[in-house]
Each structure stands twice: as structure tokens, then as C-alpha cells.
PDB file of N, CA and C in Angstrom:
ATOM      1  N   MET A   1       0.847  -1.185   0.000  1.00  0.00           N
ATOM      2  CA  MET A   1       0.000   0.000   0.000  1.00  0.00           C
ATOM      3  C   MET A   1       0.891   1.246   0.000  1.00  0.00           C
ATOM      4  N   ARG A   2       0.537   2.197  -0.847  1.00  0.00           N
ATOM      5  CA  ARG A   2       1.334   3.414  -0.970  1.00  0.00           C
ATOM      6  C   ARG A   2       0.991   4.403   0.141  1.00  0.00           C
ATOM      7  N   ASN A   3       1.902   5.312   0.378  1.00  0.00           N
ATOM      8  CA  ASN A   3       1.685   6.382   1.340  1.00  0.00           C
ATOM      9  C   ASN A   3       0.661   7.366   0.776  1.00  0.00           C
ATOM     10  N   TYR A   4      -0.119   7.998   1.631  1.00  0.00           N
ATOM     11  CA  TYR A   4      -1.159   8.914   1.148  1.00  0.00           C
ATOM     12  C   TYR A   4      -0.572  10.127   0.441  1.00  0.00           C
ATOM     13  N   CYS A   5       0.651  10.496   0.740  1.00  0.00           N
ATOM     14  CA  CYS A   5       1.292  11.625   0.055  1.00  0.00           C
ATOM     15  C   CYS A   5       1.567  11.307  -1.409  1.00  0.00           C
ATOM     16  N   ASP A   6       1.727  10.024  -1.740  1.00  0.00           N
ATOM     17  CA  ASP A   6       1.957   9.623  -3.121  1.00  0.00           C
ATOM     18  C   ASP A   6       0.662   9.586  -3.928  1.00  0.00           C
ATOM     19  N   VAL A   7      -0.480   9.434  -3.260  1.00  0.00           N
ATOM     20  CA  VAL A   7      -1.770   9.307  -3.946  1.00  0.00           C
ATOM     21  C   VAL A   7      -2.430  10.668  -4.107  1.00  0.00           C
ATOM     22  N   LEU A   8      -2.549  11.429  -3.018  1.00  0.00           N
ATOM     23  CA  LEU A   8      -3.207  12.743  -3.052  1.00  0.00           C
ATOM     24  C   LEU A   8      -2.196  13.802  -3.473  1.00  0.00           C
ATOM     25  N   VAL A   9      -2.446  14.478  -4.589  1.00  0.00           N
ATOM     26  CA  VAL A   9      -1.532  15.506  -5.069  1.00  0.00           C
ATOM     27  C   VAL A   9      -1.847  16.837  -4.412  1.00  0.00           C
ATOM     28  N   LYS A  10      -3.110  17.289  -4.519  1.00  0.00           N
ATOM     29  CA  LYS A  10      -3.525  18.546  -3.901  1.00  0.00           C
ATOM     30  C   LYS A  10      -5.047  18.607  -3.887  1.00  0.00           C
ATOM     31  N   PRO A  11      -5.612  19.412  -2.991  1.00  0.00           N
ATOM     32  CA  PRO A  11      -7.058  19.610  -3.032  1.00  0.00           C
ATOM     33  C   PRO A  11      -7.427  20.530  -4.187  1.00  0.00           C
ATOM     34  N   MET A  12      -8.590  20.337  -4.744  1.00  0.00           N
ATOM     35  CA  MET A  12      -9.052  21.179  -5.847  1.00  0.00           C
ATOM     36  C   MET A  12     -10.045  22.192  -5.281  1.00  0.00           C
ATOM     37  N   ILE A  13      -9.697  23.473  -5.376  1.00  0.00           N
ATOM     38  CA  ILE A  13     -10.525  24.542  -4.849  1.00  0.00           C
ATOM     39  C   ILE A  13     -11.068  25.349  -6.020  1.00  0.00           C
ATOM     40  N   SER A  14     -12.383  25.304  -6.200  1.00  0.00           N
ATOM     41  CA  SER A  14     -13.052  26.116  -7.206  1.00  0.00           C
ATOM     42  C   SER A  14     -14.444  26.439  -6.684  1.00  0.00           C
ATOM     43  N   GLU A  15     -15.157  27.261  -7.404  1.00  0.00           N
ATOM     44  CA  GLU A  15     -16.495  27.649  -6.977  1.00  0.00           C
ATOM     45  C   GLU A  15     -17.419  26.429  -6.927  1.00  0.00           C
ATOM     46  N   LYS A  16     -17.286  25.553  -7.884  1.00  0.00           N
ATOM     47  CA  LYS A  16     -18.127  24.359  -7.926  1.00  0.00           C
ATOM     48  C   LYS A  16     -17.801  23.390  -6.788  1.00  0.00           C
ATOM     49  N   THR A  17     -16.515  23.180  -6.517  1.00  0.00           N
ATOM     50  CA  THR A  17     -16.147  22.234  -5.464  1.00  0.00           C
ATOM     51  C   THR A  17     -16.472  22.771  -4.077  1.00  0.00           C
ATOM     52  N   ILE A  18     -16.446  24.078  -3.900  1.00  0.00           N
ATOM     53  CA  ILE A  18     -16.837  24.662  -2.612  1.00  0.00           C
ATOM     54  C   ILE A  18     -18.325  24.417  -2.370  1.00  0.00           C
ATOM     55  N   GLY A  19     -19.132  24.492  -3.423  1.00  0.00           N
ATOM     56  CA  GLY A  19     -20.559  24.217  -3.288  1.00  0.00           C
ATOM     57  C   GLY A  19     -20.856  22.764  -2.966  1.00  0.00           C
ATOM     58  N   MET A  20     -19.977  21.864  -3.382  1.00  0.00           N
ATOM     59  CA  MET A  20     -20.186  20.444  -3.124  1.00  0.00           C
ATOM     60  C   MET A  20     -19.877  20.060  -1.682  1.00  0.00           C
ATOM     61  N   ILE A  21     -19.196  20.923  -0.937  1.00  0.00           N
ATOM     62  CA  ILE A  21     -18.866  20.622   0.453  1.00  0.00           C
ATOM     63  C   ILE A  21     -20.135  20.497   1.290  1.00  0.00           C
ATOM     64  N   ASP A  22     -21.186  21.242   0.932  1.00  0.00           N
ATOM     65  CA  ASP A  22     -22.449  21.139   1.653  1.00  0.00           C
ATOM     66  C   ASP A  22     -23.053  19.742   1.530  1.00  0.00           C
ATOM     67  N   GLU A  23     -22.764  19.042   0.434  1.00  0.00           N
ATOM     68  CA  GLU A  23     -23.239  17.674   0.216  1.00  0.00           C
ATOM     69  C   GLU A  23     -22.256  16.647   0.781  1.00  0.00           C
ATOM     70  N   ASN A  24     -21.253  17.108   1.515  1.00  0.00           N
ATOM     71  CA  ASN A  24     -20.212  16.270   2.124  1.00  0.00           C
ATOM     72  C   ASN A  24     -19.329  15.603   1.068  1.00  0.00           C
ATOM     73  N   LYS A  25     -19.079  16.310  -0.052  1.00  0.00           N
ATOM     74  CA  LYS A  25     -18.216  15.822  -1.120  1.00  0.00           C
ATOM     75  C   LYS A  25     -17.004  16.740  -1.242  1.00  0.00           C
ATOM     76  N   TYR A  26     -15.823  16.144  -1.308  1.00  0.00           N
ATOM     77  CA  TYR A  26     -14.575  16.878  -1.395  1.00  0.00           C
ATOM     78  C   TYR A  26     -13.823  16.415  -2.633  1.00  0.00           C
ATOM     79  N   THR A  27     -13.158  17.361  -3.323  1.00  0.00           N
ATOM     80  CA  THR A  27     -12.489  17.059  -4.580  1.00  0.00           C
ATOM     81  C   THR A  27     -10.978  17.200  -4.429  1.00  0.00           C
ATOM     82  N   PHE A  28     -10.247  16.218  -4.972  1.00  0.00           N
ATOM     83  CA  PHE A  28      -8.789  16.211  -4.916  1.00  0.00           C
ATOM     84  C   PHE A  28      -8.229  15.899  -6.298  1.00  0.00           C
ATOM     85  N   VAL A  29      -7.039  16.439  -6.576  1.00  0.00           N
ATOM     86  CA  VAL A  29      -6.246  15.994  -7.715  1.00  0.00           C
ATOM     87  C   VAL A  29      -5.402  14.839  -7.191  1.00  0.00           C
ATOM     88  N   VAL A  30      -5.456  13.705  -7.896  1.00  0.00           N
ATOM     89  CA  VAL A  30      -4.764  12.507  -7.422  1.00  0.00           C
ATOM     90  C   VAL A  30      -3.789  12.024  -8.482  1.00  0.00           C
ATOM     91  N   ALA A  31      -2.950  11.072  -8.112  1.00  0.00           N
ATOM     92  CA  ALA A  31      -1.978  10.488  -9.052  1.00  0.00           C
ATOM     93  C   ALA A  31      -2.727   9.759 -10.162  1.00  0.00           C
ATOM     94  N   MET A  32      -2.186   9.812 -11.375  1.00  0.00           N
ATOM     95  CA  MET A  32      -2.848   9.212 -12.532  1.00  0.00           C
ATOM     96  C   MET A  32      -3.026   7.698 -12.397  1.00  0.00           C
ATOM     97  N   ASP A  33      -2.114   7.035 -11.696  1.00  0.00           N
ATOM     98  CA  ASP A  33      -2.198   5.578 -11.581  1.00  0.00           C
ATOM     99  C   ASP A  33      -2.899   5.114 -10.311  1.00  0.00           C
ATOM    100  N   ALA A  34      -3.489   6.034  -9.549  1.00  0.00           N
ATOM    101  CA  ALA A  34      -4.185   5.673  -8.313  1.00  0.00           C
ATOM    102  C   ALA A  34      -5.580   5.144  -8.638  1.00  0.00           C
ATOM    103  N   ASN A  35      -5.984   4.077  -7.939  1.00  0.00           N
ATOM    104  CA  ASN A  35      -7.333   3.566  -8.125  1.00  0.00           C
ATOM    105  C   ASN A  35      -8.229   4.033  -6.980  1.00  0.00           C
ATOM    106  N   LYS A  36      -9.521   3.709  -7.053  1.00  0.00           N
ATOM    107  CA  LYS A  36     -10.483   4.219  -6.083  1.00  0.00           C
ATOM    108  C   LYS A  36     -10.214   3.700  -4.671  1.00  0.00           C
ATOM    109  N   ILE A  37      -9.756   2.475  -4.547  1.00  0.00           N
ATOM    110  CA  ILE A  37      -9.471   1.905  -3.231  1.00  0.00           C
ATOM    111  C   ILE A  37      -8.299   2.633  -2.587  1.00  0.00           C
ATOM    112  N   GLU A  38      -7.244   2.891  -3.360  1.00  0.00           N
ATOM    113  CA  GLU A  38      -6.090   3.622  -2.834  1.00  0.00           C
ATOM    114  C   GLU A  38      -6.473   5.046  -2.441  1.00  0.00           C
ATOM    115  N   ILE A  39      -7.334   5.688  -3.232  1.00  0.00           N
ATOM    116  CA  ILE A  39      -7.765   7.054  -2.923  1.00  0.00           C
ATOM    117  C   ILE A  39      -8.553   7.073  -1.624  1.00  0.00           C
ATOM    118  N   ALA A  40      -9.461   6.119  -1.451  1.00  0.00           N
ATOM    119  CA  ALA A  40     -10.257   6.056  -0.220  1.00  0.00           C
ATOM    120  C   ALA A  40      -9.375   5.838   1.003  1.00  0.00           C
ATOM    121  N   HIS A  41      -8.420   4.914   0.910  1.00  0.00           N
ATOM    122  CA  HIS A  41      -7.506   4.670   2.038  1.00  0.00           C
ATOM    123  C   HIS A  41      -6.641   5.891   2.327  1.00  0.00           C
ATOM    124  N   ALA A  42      -6.210   6.599   1.283  1.00  0.00           N
ATOM    125  CA  ALA A  42      -5.361   7.774   1.478  1.00  0.00           C
ATOM    126  C   ALA A  42      -6.120   8.888   2.190  1.00  0.00           C
ATOM    127  N   VAL A  43      -7.372   9.131   1.807  1.00  0.00           N
ATOM    128  CA  VAL A  43      -8.165  10.184   2.460  1.00  0.00           C
ATOM    129  C   VAL A  43      -8.461   9.798   3.901  1.00  0.00           C
ATOM    130  N   GLU A  44      -8.791   8.537   4.144  1.00  0.00           N
ATOM    131  CA  GLU A  44      -9.063   8.084   5.512  1.00  0.00           C
ATOM    132  C   GLU A  44      -7.830   8.211   6.398  1.00  0.00           C
ATOM    133  N   GLU A  45      -6.665   7.874   5.856  1.00  0.00           N
ATOM    134  CA  GLU A  45      -5.427   7.953   6.629  1.00  0.00           C
ATOM    135  C   GLU A  45      -5.006   9.399   6.875  1.00  0.00           C
ATOM    136  N   ALA A  46      -5.160  10.254   5.872  1.00  0.00           N
ATOM    137  CA  ALA A  46      -4.676  11.624   5.987  1.00  0.00           C
ATOM    138  C   ALA A  46      -5.564  12.480   6.885  1.00  0.00           C
ATOM    139  N   PHE A  47      -6.888  12.293   6.805  1.00  0.00           N
ATOM    140  CA  PHE A  47      -7.803  13.196   7.500  1.00  0.00           C
ATOM    141  C   PHE A  47      -8.609  12.533   8.604  1.00  0.00           C
ATOM    142  N   LYS A  48      -8.406  11.245   8.862  1.00  0.00           N
ATOM    143  CA  LYS A  48      -9.094  10.506   9.926  1.00  0.00           C
ATOM    144  C   LYS A  48     -10.614  10.610   9.797  1.00  0.00           C
ATOM    145  N   VAL A  49     -11.131  10.322   8.592  1.00  0.00           N
ATOM    146  CA  VAL A  49     -12.556  10.331   8.310  1.00  0.00           C
ATOM    147  C   VAL A  49     -12.933   9.000   7.657  1.00  0.00           C
ATOM    148  N   LYS A  50     -14.231   8.741   7.495  1.00  0.00           N
ATOM    149  CA  LYS A  50     -14.712   7.524   6.851  1.00  0.00           C
ATOM    150  C   LYS A  50     -15.252   7.864   5.468  1.00  0.00           C
ATOM    151  N   VAL A  51     -14.703   7.235   4.427  1.00  0.00           N
ATOM    152  CA  VAL A  51     -15.103   7.483   3.042  1.00  0.00           C
ATOM    153  C   VAL A  51     -16.218   6.518   2.656  1.00  0.00           C
ATOM    154  N   VAL A  52     -17.282   7.073   2.064  1.00  0.00           N
ATOM    155  CA  VAL A  52     -18.414   6.268   1.620  1.00  0.00           C
ATOM    156  C   VAL A  52     -18.299   5.934   0.140  1.00  0.00           C
ATOM    157  N   ASP A  53     -17.893   6.909  -0.689  1.00  0.00           N
ATOM    158  CA  ASP A  53     -17.870   6.719  -2.135  1.00  0.00           C
ATOM    159  C   ASP A  53     -16.746   7.536  -2.751  1.00  0.00           C
ATOM    160  N   VAL A  54     -16.179   7.026  -3.851  1.00  0.00           N
ATOM    161  CA  VAL A  54     -15.142   7.733  -4.603  1.00  0.00           C
ATOM    162  C   VAL A  54     -15.520   7.690  -6.083  1.00  0.00           C
ATOM    163  N   THR A  55     -15.525   8.858  -6.728  1.00  0.00           N
ATOM    164  CA  THR A  55     -15.762   8.964  -8.160  1.00  0.00           C
ATOM    165  C   THR A  55     -14.540   9.614  -8.781  1.00  0.00           C
ATOM    166  N   THR A  56     -14.039   9.043  -9.875  1.00  0.00           N
ATOM    167  CA  THR A  56     -12.840   9.583 -10.513  1.00  0.00           C
ATOM    168  C   THR A  56     -13.132  10.011 -11.944  1.00  0.00           C
ATOM    169  N   LYS A  57     -12.312  10.948 -12.419  1.00  0.00           N
ATOM    170  CA  LYS A  57     -12.430  11.439 -13.785  1.00  0.00           C
ATOM    171  C   LYS A  57     -11.054  11.881 -14.258  1.00  0.00           C
ATOM    172  N   ILE A  58     -10.697  11.495 -15.481  1.00  0.00           N
ATOM    173  CA  ILE A  58      -9.436  11.938 -16.082  1.00  0.00           C
ATOM    174  C   ILE A  58      -9.748  13.112 -16.998  1.00  0.00           C
ATOM    175  N   CYS A  59      -9.114  14.251 -16.733  1.00  0.00           N
ATOM    176  CA  CYS A  59      -9.319  15.465 -17.531  1.00  0.00           C
ATOM    177  C   CYS A  59      -8.106  15.669 -18.421  1.00  0.00           C
ATOM    178  N   LYS A  60      -8.332  15.702 -19.700  1.00  0.00           N
ATOM    179  CA  LYS A  60      -7.251  15.894 -20.666  1.00  0.00           C
ATOM    180  C   LYS A  60      -6.799  17.349 -20.658  1.00  0.00           C
ATOM    181  N   GLY A  61      -5.494  17.569 -20.781  1.00  0.00           N
ATOM    182  CA  GLY A  61      -4.940  18.914 -20.796  1.00  0.00           C
ATOM    183  C   GLY A  61      -5.217  19.631 -22.103  1.00  0.00           C
ATOM    184  N   LYS A  62      -5.398  20.944 -22.005  1.00  0.00           N
ATOM    185  CA  LYS A  62      -5.666  21.754 -23.195  1.00  0.00           C
ATOM    186  C   LYS A  62      -4.385  22.039 -23.965  1.00  0.00           C
ATOM    187  N   VAL A  63      -4.527  22.229 -25.266  1.00  0.00           N
ATOM    188  CA  VAL A  63      -3.402  22.665 -26.098  1.00  0.00           C
ATOM    189  C   VAL A  63      -3.422  24.189 -26.114  1.00  0.00           C
ATOM    190  N   LYS A  64      -2.334  24.796 -25.730  1.00  0.00           N
ATOM    191  CA  LYS A  64      -2.221  26.250 -25.666  1.00  0.00           C
ATOM    192  C   LYS A  64      -1.123  26.707 -26.618  1.00  0.00           C
ATOM    193  N   SER A  65      -1.323  27.871 -27.204  1.00  0.00           N
ATOM    194  CA  SER A  65      -0.294  28.395 -28.094  1.00  0.00           C
ATOM    195  C   SER A  65      -0.024  29.852 -27.762  1.00  0.00           C
ATOM    196  N   MET A  66       1.223  30.233 -27.955  1.00  0.00           N
ATOM    197  CA  MET A  66       1.634  31.622 -27.784  1.00  0.00           C
ATOM    198  C   MET A  66       2.496  31.950 -28.992  1.00  0.00           C
ATOM    199  N   GLY A  67       1.895  32.699 -29.905  1.00  0.00           N
ATOM    200  CA  GLY A  67       2.597  32.993 -31.149  1.00  0.00           C
ATOM    201  C   GLY A  67       2.720  31.737 -31.991  1.00  0.00           C
ATOM    202  N   ARG A  68       3.923  31.429 -32.408  1.00  0.00           N
ATOM    203  CA  ARG A  68       4.110  30.240 -33.225  1.00  0.00           C
ATOM    204  C   ARG A  68       4.440  29.002 -32.397  1.00  0.00           C
ATOM    205  N   TYR A  69       4.575  29.170 -31.092  1.00  0.00           N
ATOM    206  CA  TYR A  69       4.897  28.054 -30.218  1.00  0.00           C
ATOM    207  C   TYR A  69       3.618  27.501 -29.604  1.00  0.00           C
ATOM    208  N   SER A  70       3.533  26.206 -29.514  1.00  0.00           N
ATOM    209  CA  SER A  70       2.384  25.599 -28.869  1.00  0.00           C
ATOM    210  C   SER A  70       2.864  24.548 -27.877  1.00  0.00           C
ATOM    211  N   GLY A  71       2.058  24.338 -26.891  1.00  0.00           N
ATOM    212  CA  GLY A  71       2.365  23.349 -25.868  1.00  0.00           C
ATOM    213  C   GLY A  71       1.072  22.758 -25.346  1.00  0.00           C
ATOM    214  N   LYS A  72       1.198  21.834 -24.414  1.00  0.00           N
ATOM    215  CA  LYS A  72       0.028  21.163 -23.878  1.00  0.00           C
ATOM    216  C   LYS A  72       0.108  21.151 -22.369  1.00  0.00           C
ATOM    217  N   ARG A  73      -1.018  21.490 -21.727  1.00  0.00           N
ATOM    218  CA  ARG A  73      -1.091  21.382 -20.277  1.00  0.00           C
ATOM    219  C   ARG A  73      -1.153  19.900 -19.905  1.00  0.00           C
ATOM    220  N   PRO A  74      -0.700  19.553 -18.706  1.00  0.00           N
ATOM    221  CA  PRO A  74      -0.697  18.132 -18.347  1.00  0.00           C
ATOM    222  C   PRO A  74      -2.112  17.599 -18.092  1.00  0.00           C
ATOM    223  N   ASP A  75      -2.291  16.294 -18.326  1.00  0.00           N
ATOM    224  CA  ASP A  75      -3.533  15.629 -17.968  1.00  0.00           C
ATOM    225  C   ASP A  75      -3.566  15.463 -16.453  1.00  0.00           C
ATOM    226  N   ILE A  76      -4.771  15.543 -15.868  1.00  0.00           N
ATOM    227  CA  ILE A  76      -4.907  15.347 -14.423  1.00  0.00           C
ATOM    228  C   ILE A  76      -6.039  14.358 -14.161  1.00  0.00           C
ATOM    229  N   LYS A  77      -5.996  13.770 -12.987  1.00  0.00           N
ATOM    230  CA  LYS A  77      -7.056  12.877 -12.550  1.00  0.00           C
ATOM    231  C   LYS A  77      -7.693  13.487 -11.315  1.00  0.00           C
ATOM    232  N   LYS A  78      -9.026  13.692 -11.384  1.00  0.00           N
ATOM    233  CA  LYS A  78      -9.766  14.263 -10.268  1.00  0.00           C
ATOM    234  C   LYS A  78     -10.517  13.159  -9.551  1.00  0.00           C
ATOM    235  N   ALA A  79     -10.626  13.278  -8.235  1.00  0.00           N
ATOM    236  CA  ALA A  79     -11.401  12.333  -7.437  1.00  0.00           C
ATOM    237  C   ALA A  79     -12.363  13.118  -6.556  1.00  0.00           C
ATOM    238  N   VAL A  80     -13.648  12.769  -6.638  1.00  0.00           N
ATOM    239  CA  VAL A  80     -14.664  13.355  -5.765  1.00  0.00           C
ATOM    240  C   VAL A  80     -14.951  12.318  -4.683  1.00  0.00           C
ATOM    241  N   VAL A  81     -14.660  12.672  -3.435  1.00  0.00           N
ATOM    242  CA  VAL A  81     -14.765  11.758  -2.310  1.00  0.00           C
ATOM    243  C   VAL A  81     -15.979  12.155  -1.466  1.00  0.00           C
ATOM    244  N   THR A  82     -16.890  11.208  -1.250  1.00  0.00           N
ATOM    245  CA  THR A  82     -18.047  11.440  -0.402  1.00  0.00           C
ATOM    246  C   THR A  82     -17.752  10.855   0.973  1.00  0.00           C
ATOM    247  N   LEU A  83     -17.945  11.677   2.004  1.00  0.00           N
ATOM    248  CA  LEU A  83     -17.662  11.248   3.371  1.00  0.00           C
ATOM    249  C   LEU A  83     -18.943  10.829   4.080  1.00  0.00           C
ATOM    250  N   ARG A  84     -18.772  10.081   5.167  1.00  0.00           N
ATOM    251  CA  ARG A  84     -19.887   9.662   6.005  1.00  0.00           C
ATOM    252  C   ARG A  84     -20.552  10.889   6.618  1.00  0.00           C
ATOM    253  N   GLU A  85     -21.847  10.792   6.861  1.00  0.00           N
ATOM    254  CA  GLU A  85     -22.604  11.892   7.465  1.00  0.00           C
ATOM    255  C   GLU A  85     -21.994  12.239   8.824  1.00  0.00           C
ATOM    256  N   GLY A  86     -21.719  13.504   9.030  1.00  0.00           N
ATOM    257  CA  GLY A  86     -21.123  13.960  10.281  1.00  0.00           C
ATOM    258  C   GLY A  86     -19.623  14.174  10.202  1.00  0.00           C
ATOM    259  N   ASP A  87     -18.937  13.557   9.250  1.00  0.00           N
ATOM    260  CA  ASP A  87     -17.497  13.756   9.080  1.00  0.00           C
ATOM    261  C   ASP A  87     -17.256  14.984   8.197  1.00  0.00           C
ATOM    262  N   SER A  88     -16.144  15.650   8.421  1.00  0.00           N
ATOM    263  CA  SER A  88     -15.740  16.770   7.580  1.00  0.00           C
ATOM    264  C   SER A  88     -14.228  16.881   7.610  1.00  0.00           C
ATOM    265  N   ILE A  89     -13.696  17.584   6.633  1.00  0.00           N
ATOM    266  CA  ILE A  89     -12.255  17.821   6.555  1.00  0.00           C
ATOM    267  C   ILE A  89     -12.024  19.262   6.968  1.00  0.00           C
ATOM    268  N   GLU A  90     -11.207  19.465   7.985  1.00  0.00           N
ATOM    269  CA  GLU A  90     -11.006  20.791   8.583  1.00  0.00           C
ATOM    270  C   GLU A  90     -10.332  21.777   7.629  1.00  0.00           C
ATOM    271  N   MET A  91      -9.539  21.264   6.691  1.00  0.00           N
ATOM    272  CA  MET A  91      -8.833  22.127   5.762  1.00  0.00           C
ATOM    273  C   MET A  91      -9.809  22.941   4.920  1.00  0.00           C
ATOM    274  N   PHE A  92     -10.982  22.377   4.619  1.00  0.00           N
ATOM    275  CA  PHE A  92     -11.965  23.039   3.780  1.00  0.00           C
ATOM    276  C   PHE A  92     -12.980  23.855   4.586  1.00  0.00           C
ATOM    277  N   SER A  93     -12.973  23.744   5.914  1.00  0.00           N
ATOM    278  CA  SER A  93     -14.018  24.363   6.719  1.00  0.00           C
ATOM    279  C   SER A  93     -13.952  25.889   6.721  1.00  0.00           C
ATOM    280  N   GLY A  94     -12.800  26.494   6.468  1.00  0.00           N
ATOM    281  CA  GLY A  94     -12.658  27.927   6.474  1.00  0.00           C
ATOM    282  C   GLY A  94     -13.098  28.593   5.183  1.00  0.00           C
ATOM    283  N   LEU A  95     -13.476  27.816   4.186  1.00  0.00           N
ATOM    284  CA  LEU A  95     -13.826  28.378   2.870  1.00  0.00           C
ATOM    285  C   LEU A  95     -15.279  28.732   2.796  1.00  0.00           C
TER     286      LEU A  95
END
């Protein structure tokens, strides 16, 4: 089993994800090779909460150009984690 620091890259903070906190859903950017079981164990270990459900999505990076040069943003994997009723993550409580 991998360490939770290897699975969870960073929390995703946006207007939409802040609204999902009321439904007890938290969004994280995770490692591309992480599966749902590893994500659930990583969140439980890192924040001492009980995970009920994990939904994942791979978002392809956009192609951006500046003048004649073009590049591509990296692909990311997002995970929406639903927690047990009554549990919360303190890091998001101030938002």
C-alpha cells in the first residue's frame, strides 16, 4: 500500500467544489495511476474520516499556443470523495 502523500496531489478549490462541500463531497487531484481503493484509504489515513464513495475522472490537458509556439497542459485525474454523514475535513471548513 502506498503512502497517502503519493496518492493525493492537492485539493481542488473552485467555486463548484466549494458548493459540493455542503453535500459532504470533497475534490482532490490525485496520481494518474491511483485507483479508487487507494484514494479512499489515502483520504481516511490523511484526515481521519470515513469514506463512503469515490468517483474519478481523467481530464485531458488543453493545447495552448503563444505565437508560433504551442504546448500542452498536463492531464490530471480528479477524485470526488463522499464522506460519512457527520465527518468533515477541517482544511476546507474555512472556505
